[in-house]
Amino acid sequence: KWEKNRFTGRELRGKTVGIVGMGRVGSVV
């Protein structure tokens, strides 16, 4: 059974991400 309605996502476009630490990994993120 695949209960697709139980798995909902979230739209990321237009959202704000805050990054603490902008070294090598933070820059890639």
PDB file of all heavy atoms in Angstrom:
ATOM      1  N   LYS A   1       0.861  -1.182   0.000  1.00  0.00           N
ATOM      2  CA  LYS A   1       0.000   0.000   0.000  1.00  0.00           C
ATOM      3  C   LYS A   1       0.895   1.230   0.000  1.00  0.00           C
ATOM      4  O   LYS A   1       1.878   1.280   0.714  1.00  0.00           O
ATOM      5  CB  LYS A   1      -0.866   0.051   1.271  1.00  0.00           C
ATOM      6  CG  LYS A   1      -2.033  -0.871   1.256  1.00  0.00           C
ATOM      7  CD  LYS A   1      -3.035  -0.618   2.377  1.00  0.00           C
ATOM      8  CE  LYS A   1      -2.467  -0.148   3.677  1.00  0.00           C
ATOM      9  NZ  LYS A   1      -3.443  -0.143   4.772  1.00  0.00           N
ATOM     10  N   TRP A   2       0.549   2.166  -0.809  1.00  0.00           N
ATOM     11  CA  TRP A   2       1.271   3.434  -0.823  1.00  0.00           C
ATOM     12  C   TRP A   2       0.276   4.519  -0.469  1.00  0.00           C
ATOM     13  O   TRP A   2      -0.535   4.921  -1.279  1.00  0.00           O
ATOM     14  CB  TRP A   2       1.899   3.687  -2.183  1.00  0.00           C
ATOM     15  CG  TRP A   2       2.580   5.022  -2.279  1.00  0.00           C
ATOM     16  CD1 TRP A   2       2.141   6.115  -2.962  1.00  0.00           C
ATOM     17  CD2 TRP A   2       3.800   5.405  -1.653  1.00  0.00           C
ATOM     18  NE1 TRP A   2       3.014   7.157  -2.803  1.00  0.00           N
ATOM     19  CE2 TRP A   2       4.045   6.746  -1.997  1.00  0.00           C
ATOM     20  CE3 TRP A   2       4.706   4.758  -0.818  1.00  0.00           C
ATOM     21  CZ2 TRP A   2       5.162   7.450  -1.550  1.00  0.00           C
ATOM     22  CZ3 TRP A   2       5.812   5.463  -0.382  1.00  0.00           C
ATOM     23  CH2 TRP A   2       6.029   6.786  -0.757  1.00  0.00           C
ATOM     24  N   GLU A   3       0.341   4.982   0.767  1.00  0.00           N
ATOM     25  CA  GLU A   3      -0.572   6.021   1.233  1.00  0.00           C
ATOM     26  C   GLU A   3       0.074   7.382   0.998  1.00  0.00           C
ATOM     27  O   GLU A   3       0.607   8.006   1.910  1.00  0.00           O
ATOM     28  CB  GLU A   3      -0.891   5.794   2.702  1.00  0.00           C
ATOM     29  CG  GLU A   3      -1.611   4.472   2.948  1.00  0.00           C
ATOM     30  CD  GLU A   3      -1.858   4.222   4.423  1.00  0.00           C
ATOM     31  OE1 GLU A   3      -2.047   5.205   5.162  1.00  0.00           O
ATOM     32  OE2 GLU A   3      -1.851   3.052   4.813  1.00  0.00           O
ATOM     33  N   LYS A   4      -0.003   7.794  -0.234  1.00  0.00           N
ATOM     34  CA  LYS A   4       0.687   9.003  -0.672  1.00  0.00           C
ATOM     35  C   LYS A   4       0.265  10.236   0.130  1.00  0.00           C
ATOM     36  O   LYS A   4       1.084  11.102   0.421  1.00  0.00           O
ATOM     37  CB  LYS A   4       0.408   9.225  -2.165  1.00  0.00           C
ATOM     38  CG  LYS A   4       1.154  10.377  -2.758  1.00  0.00           C
ATOM     39  CD  LYS A   4       0.871  10.482  -4.237  1.00  0.00           C
ATOM     40  CE  LYS A   4       1.537  11.679  -4.835  1.00  0.00           C
ATOM     41  NZ  LYS A   4       1.238  11.837  -6.236  1.00  0.00           N
ATOM     42  N   ASN A   5      -0.982  10.301   0.533  1.00  0.00           N
ATOM     43  CA  ASN A   5      -1.463  11.482   1.251  1.00  0.00           C
ATOM     44  C   ASN A   5      -0.848  11.616   2.649  1.00  0.00           C
ATOM     45  O   ASN A   5      -0.912  12.671   3.254  1.00  0.00           O
ATOM     46  CB  ASN A   5      -2.983  11.482   1.340  1.00  0.00           C
ATOM     47  CG  ASN A   5      -3.531  10.260   2.053  1.00  0.00           C
ATOM     48  OD1 ASN A   5      -2.817   9.287   2.264  1.00  0.00           O
ATOM     49  ND2 ASN A   5      -4.799  10.301   2.407  1.00  0.00           N
ATOM     50  N   ARG A   6      -0.229  10.570   3.171  1.00  0.00           N
ATOM     51  CA  ARG A   6       0.438  10.645   4.467  1.00  0.00           C
ATOM     52  C   ARG A   6       1.795  11.320   4.386  1.00  0.00           C
ATOM     53  O   ARG A   6       2.352  11.720   5.401  1.00  0.00           O
ATOM     54  CB  ARG A   6       0.619   9.245   5.051  1.00  0.00           C
ATOM     55  CG  ARG A   6      -0.676   8.616   5.503  1.00  0.00           C
ATOM     56  CD  ARG A   6      -0.456   7.278   6.184  1.00  0.00           C
ATOM     57  NE  ARG A   6       0.470   7.428   7.296  1.00  0.00           N
ATOM     58  CZ  ARG A   6       1.287   6.477   7.707  1.00  0.00           C
ATOM     59  NH1 ARG A   6       1.312   5.305   7.102  1.00  0.00           N
ATOM     60  NH2 ARG A   6       2.092   6.669   8.722  1.00  0.00           N
ATOM     61  N   PHE A   7       2.333  11.432   3.181  1.00  0.00           N
ATOM     62  CA  PHE A   7       3.663  11.997   2.997  1.00  0.00           C
ATOM     63  C   PHE A   7       3.565  13.288   2.194  1.00  0.00           C
ATOM     64  O   PHE A   7       3.481  13.267   0.977  1.00  0.00           O
ATOM     65  CB  PHE A   7       4.569  10.998   2.271  1.00  0.00           C
ATOM     66  CG  PHE A   7       4.662   9.677   2.984  1.00  0.00           C
ATOM     67  CD1 PHE A   7       3.904   8.599   2.577  1.00  0.00           C
ATOM     68  CD2 PHE A   7       5.505   9.544   4.073  1.00  0.00           C
ATOM     69  CE1 PHE A   7       3.983   7.391   3.240  1.00  0.00           C
ATOM     70  CE2 PHE A   7       5.599   8.346   4.740  1.00  0.00           C
ATOM     71  CZ  PHE A   7       4.835   7.256   4.329  1.00  0.00           C
ATOM     72  N   THR A   8       3.563  14.393   2.910  1.00  0.00           N
ATOM     73  CA  THR A   8       3.467  15.681   2.230  1.00  0.00           C
ATOM     74  C   THR A   8       4.795  16.416   2.362  1.00  0.00           C
ATOM     75  O   THR A   8       5.506  16.279   3.359  1.00  0.00           O
ATOM     76  CB  THR A   8       2.341  16.546   2.818  1.00  0.00           C
ATOM     77  OG1 THR A   8       2.592  16.743   4.211  1.00  0.00           O
ATOM     78  CG2 THR A   8       0.984  15.889   2.632  1.00  0.00           C
ATOM     79  N   GLY A   9       5.100  17.180   1.375  1.00  0.00           N
ATOM     80  CA  GLY A   9       6.337  17.944   1.376  1.00  0.00           C
ATOM     81  C   GLY A   9       6.081  19.394   1.709  1.00  0.00           C
ATOM     82  O   GLY A   9       4.973  19.787   2.073  1.00  0.00           O
ATOM     83  N   ARG A  10       7.103  20.175   1.579  1.00  0.00           N
ATOM     84  CA  ARG A  10       7.007  21.603   1.840  1.00  0.00           C
ATOM     85  C   ARG A  10       7.733  22.315   0.705  1.00  0.00           C
ATOM     86  O   ARG A  10       8.844  21.930   0.331  1.00  0.00           O
ATOM     87  CB  ARG A  10       7.667  21.913   3.174  1.00  0.00           C
ATOM     88  CG  ARG A  10       7.670  23.391   3.493  1.00  0.00           C
ATOM     89  CD  ARG A  10       8.069  23.650   4.901  1.00  0.00           C
ATOM     90  NE  ARG A  10       6.928  23.285   5.729  1.00  0.00           N
ATOM     91  CZ  ARG A  10       7.003  23.049   7.025  1.00  0.00           C
ATOM     92  NH1 ARG A  10       8.147  23.112   7.631  1.00  0.00           N
ATOM     93  NH2 ARG A  10       5.933  22.749   7.713  1.00  0.00           N
ATOM     94  N   GLU A  11       7.122  23.332   0.166  1.00  0.00           N
ATOM     95  CA  GLU A  11       7.723  24.111  -0.916  1.00  0.00           C
ATOM     96  C   GLU A  11       8.882  24.927  -0.365  1.00  0.00           C
ATOM     97  O   GLU A  11       8.727  25.648   0.619  1.00  0.00           O
ATOM     98  CB  GLU A  11       6.671  25.034  -1.533  1.00  0.00           C
ATOM     99  CG  GLU A  11       7.180  25.891  -2.669  1.00  0.00           C
ATOM    100  CD  GLU A  11       7.558  25.081  -3.901  1.00  0.00           C
ATOM    101  OE1 GLU A  11       6.884  24.091  -4.189  1.00  0.00           O
ATOM    102  OE2 GLU A  11       8.535  25.465  -4.561  1.00  0.00           O
ATOM    103  N   LEU A  12      10.056  24.808  -0.959  1.00  0.00           N
ATOM    104  CA  LEU A  12      11.225  25.548  -0.503  1.00  0.00           C
ATOM    105  C   LEU A  12      11.416  26.864  -1.243  1.00  0.00           C
ATOM    106  O   LEU A  12      11.993  27.805  -0.702  1.00  0.00           O
ATOM    107  CB  LEU A  12      12.480  24.688  -0.667  1.00  0.00           C
ATOM    108  CG  LEU A  12      12.515  23.412   0.171  1.00  0.00           C
ATOM    109  CD1 LEU A  12      13.782  22.621  -0.129  1.00  0.00           C
ATOM    110  CD2 LEU A  12      12.393  23.718   1.645  1.00  0.00           C
ATOM    111  N   ARG A  13      10.932  26.938  -2.468  1.00  0.00           N
ATOM    112  CA  ARG A  13      11.079  28.161  -3.269  1.00  0.00           C
ATOM    113  C   ARG A  13      10.490  29.349  -2.503  1.00  0.00           C
ATOM    114  O   ARG A  13       9.383  29.294  -1.999  1.00  0.00           O
ATOM    115  CB  ARG A  13      10.367  28.014  -4.603  1.00  0.00           C
ATOM    116  CG  ARG A  13      10.431  29.269  -5.478  1.00  0.00           C
ATOM    117  CD  ARG A  13       9.553  29.143  -6.706  1.00  0.00           C
ATOM    118  NE  ARG A  13       9.975  28.050  -7.551  1.00  0.00           N
ATOM    119  CZ  ARG A  13      10.790  28.179  -8.599  1.00  0.00           C
ATOM    120  NH1 ARG A  13      11.278  29.356  -8.908  1.00  0.00           N
ATOM    121  NH2 ARG A  13      11.101  27.134  -9.324  1.00  0.00           N
ATOM    122  N   GLY A  14      11.284  30.406  -2.389  1.00  0.00           N
ATOM    123  CA  GLY A  14      10.821  31.623  -1.739  1.00  0.00           C
ATOM    124  C   GLY A  14      10.973  31.626  -0.219  1.00  0.00           C
ATOM    125  O   GLY A  14      10.746  32.647   0.418  1.00  0.00           O
ATOM    126  N   LYS A  15      11.370  30.508   0.355  1.00  0.00           N
ATOM    127  CA  LYS A  15      11.589  30.447   1.797  1.00  0.00           C
ATOM    128  C   LYS A  15      12.994  30.965   2.112  1.00  0.00           C
ATOM    129  O   LYS A  15      13.847  31.084   1.238  1.00  0.00           O
ATOM    130  CB  LYS A  15      11.449  29.014   2.324  1.00  0.00           C
ATOM    131  CG  LYS A  15      10.084  28.395   2.124  1.00  0.00           C
ATOM    132  CD  LYS A  15       9.077  29.019   3.045  1.00  0.00           C
ATOM    133  CE  LYS A  15       7.772  28.267   3.128  1.00  0.00           C
ATOM    134  NZ  LYS A  15       7.026  28.072   1.946  1.00  0.00           N
ATOM    135  N   THR A  16      13.216  31.269   3.379  1.00  0.00           N
ATOM    136  CA  THR A  16      14.515  31.777   3.817  1.00  0.00           C
ATOM    137  C   THR A  16      15.229  30.715   4.632  1.00  0.00           C
ATOM    138  O   THR A  16      14.665  30.168   5.574  1.00  0.00           O
ATOM    139  CB  THR A  16      14.332  33.041   4.679  1.00  0.00           C
ATOM    140  OG1 THR A  16      13.684  34.044   3.897  1.00  0.00           O
ATOM    141  CG2 THR A  16      15.669  33.567   5.175  1.00  0.00           C
ATOM    142  N   VAL A  17      16.473  30.447   4.242  1.00  0.00           N
ATOM    143  CA  VAL A  17      17.317  29.531   5.015  1.00  0.00           C
ATOM    144  C   VAL A  17      18.403  30.364   5.681  1.00  0.00           C
ATOM    145  O   VAL A  17      19.025  31.217   5.055  1.00  0.00           O
ATOM    146  CB  VAL A  17      17.920  28.395   4.155  1.00  0.00           C
ATOM    147  CG1 VAL A  17      18.812  28.914   3.057  1.00  0.00           C
ATOM    148  CG2 VAL A  17      18.667  27.401   5.029  1.00  0.00           C
ATOM    149  N   GLY A  18      18.575  30.130   6.965  1.00  0.00           N
ATOM    150  CA  GLY A  18      19.636  30.776   7.720  1.00  0.00           C
ATOM    151  C   GLY A  18      20.765  29.790   7.925  1.00  0.00           C
ATOM    152  O   GLY A  18      20.548  28.675   8.393  1.00  0.00           O
ATOM    153  N   ILE A  19      21.967  30.190   7.558  1.00  0.00           N
ATOM    154  CA  ILE A  19      23.129  29.315   7.687  1.00  0.00           C
ATOM    155  C   ILE A  19      24.067  29.904   8.737  1.00  0.00           C
ATOM    156  O   ILE A  19      24.518  31.039   8.603  1.00  0.00           O
ATOM    157  CB  ILE A  19      23.859  29.151   6.345  1.00  0.00           C
ATOM    158  CG1 ILE A  19      22.911  28.596   5.278  1.00  0.00           C
ATOM    159  CG2 ILE A  19      25.072  28.247   6.517  1.00  0.00           C
ATOM    160  CD1 ILE A  19      23.516  28.509   3.895  1.00  0.00           C
ATOM    161  N   VAL A  20      24.332  29.125   9.766  1.00  0.00           N
ATOM    162  CA  VAL A  20      25.296  29.513  10.788  1.00  0.00           C
ATOM    163  C   VAL A  20      26.592  28.776  10.469  1.00  0.00           C
ATOM    164  O   VAL A  20      26.642  27.550  10.530  1.00  0.00           O
ATOM    165  CB  VAL A  20      24.788  29.145  12.201  1.00  0.00           C
ATOM    166  CG1 VAL A  20      25.830  29.512  13.247  1.00  0.00           C
ATOM    167  CG2 VAL A  20      23.451  29.818  12.488  1.00  0.00           C
ATOM    168  N   GLY A  21      27.605  29.542  10.099  1.00  0.00           N
ATOM    169  CA  GLY A  21      28.887  28.948   9.713  1.00  0.00           C
ATOM    170  C   GLY A  21      29.004  28.852   8.211  1.00  0.00           C
ATOM    171  O   GLY A  21      28.400  27.993   7.596  1.00  0.00           O
ATOM    172  N   MET A  22      29.774  29.761   7.630  1.00  0.00           N
ATOM    173  CA  MET A  22      29.890  29.814   6.167  1.00  0.00           C
ATOM    174  C   MET A  22      31.259  29.358   5.689  1.00  0.00           C
ATOM    175  O   MET A  22      31.845  29.931   4.784  1.00  0.00           O
ATOM    176  CB  MET A  22      29.614  31.240   5.679  1.00  0.00           C
ATOM    177  CG  MET A  22      28.154  31.626   5.728  1.00  0.00           C
ATOM    178  SD  MET A  22      27.112  30.590   4.698  1.00  0.00           S
ATOM    179  CE  MET A  22      27.754  30.955   3.075  1.00  0.00           C
ATOM    180  N   GLY A  23      31.753  28.288   6.273  1.00  0.00           N
ATOM    181  CA  GLY A  23      32.992  27.682   5.793  1.00  0.00           C
ATOM    182  C   GLY A  23      32.724  26.842   4.562  1.00  0.00           C
ATOM    183  O   GLY A  23      31.801  27.120   3.784  1.00  0.00           O
ATOM    184  N   ARG A  24      33.484  25.798   4.390  1.00  0.00           N
ATOM    185  CA  ARG A  24      33.373  24.947   3.203  1.00  0.00           C
ATOM    186  C   ARG A  24      31.970  24.347   3.067  1.00  0.00           C
ATOM    187  O   ARG A  24      31.345  24.460   2.015  1.00  0.00           O
ATOM    188  CB  ARG A  24      34.438  23.854   3.259  1.00  0.00           C
ATOM    189  CG  ARG A  24      34.532  23.022   2.007  1.00  0.00           C
ATOM    190  CD  ARG A  24      35.683  22.028   2.051  1.00  0.00           C
ATOM    191  NE  ARG A  24      35.584  21.136   3.200  1.00  0.00           N
ATOM    192  CZ  ARG A  24      36.497  21.008   4.156  1.00  0.00           C
ATOM    193  NH1 ARG A  24      37.595  21.727   4.111  1.00  0.00           N
ATOM    194  NH2 ARG A  24      36.323  20.182   5.161  1.00  0.00           N
ATOM    195  N   VAL A  25      31.472  23.739   4.120  1.00  0.00           N
ATOM    196  CA  VAL A  25      30.161  23.078   4.038  1.00  0.00           C
ATOM    197  C   VAL A  25      29.039  24.111   3.948  1.00  0.00           C
ATOM    198  O   VAL A  25      28.120  23.980   3.127  1.00  0.00           O
ATOM    199  CB  VAL A  25      29.952  22.136   5.245  1.00  0.00           C
ATOM    200  CG1 VAL A  25      28.554  21.562   5.246  1.00  0.00           C
ATOM    201  CG2 VAL A  25      30.984  21.019   5.220  1.00  0.00           C
ATOM    202  N   GLY A  26      29.088  25.148   4.768  1.00  0.00           N
ATOM    203  CA  GLY A  26      28.053  26.179   4.720  1.00  0.00           C
ATOM    204  C   GLY A  26      27.947  26.835   3.357  1.00  0.00           C
ATOM    205  O   GLY A  26      26.854  27.138   2.874  1.00  0.00           O
ATOM    206  N   SER A  27      29.089  27.036   2.696  1.00  0.00           N
ATOM    207  CA  SER A  27      29.091  27.640   1.355  1.00  0.00           C
ATOM    208  C   SER A  27      28.417  26.731   0.333  1.00  0.00           C
ATOM    209  O   SER A  27      27.685  27.205  -0.542  1.00  0.00           O
ATOM    210  CB  SER A  27      30.531  27.923   0.911  1.00  0.00           C
ATOM    211  OG  SER A  27      31.132  28.847   1.784  1.00  0.00           O
ATOM    212  N   VAL A  28      28.633  25.427   0.447  1.00  0.00           N
ATOM    213  CA  VAL A  28      27.991  24.479  -0.461  1.00  0.00           C
ATOM    214  C   VAL A  28      26.483  24.449  -0.206  1.00  0.00           C
ATOM    215  O   VAL A  28      25.684  24.431  -1.148  1.00  0.00           O
ATOM    216  CB  VAL A  28      28.605  23.069  -0.313  1.00  0.00           C
ATOM    217  CG1 VAL A  28      27.803  22.037  -1.088  1.00  0.00           C
ATOM    218  CG2 VAL A  28      30.043  23.078  -0.781  1.00  0.00           C
ATOM    219  N   VAL A  29      26.088  24.480   1.052  1.00  0.00           N
ATOM    220  CA  VAL A  29      24.661  24.503   1.384  1.00  0.00           C
ATOM    221  C   VAL A  29      24.013  25.761   0.811  1.00  0.00           C
ATOM    222  O   VAL A  29      22.917  25.702   0.249  1.00  0.00           O
ATOM    223  CB  VAL A  29      24.450  24.412   2.913  1.00  0.00           C
ATOM    224  CG1 VAL A  29      22.995  24.646   3.278  1.00  0.00           C
ATOM    225  CG2 VAL A  29      24.911  23.062   3.436  1.00  0.00           C
TER     226      VAL A  29
END
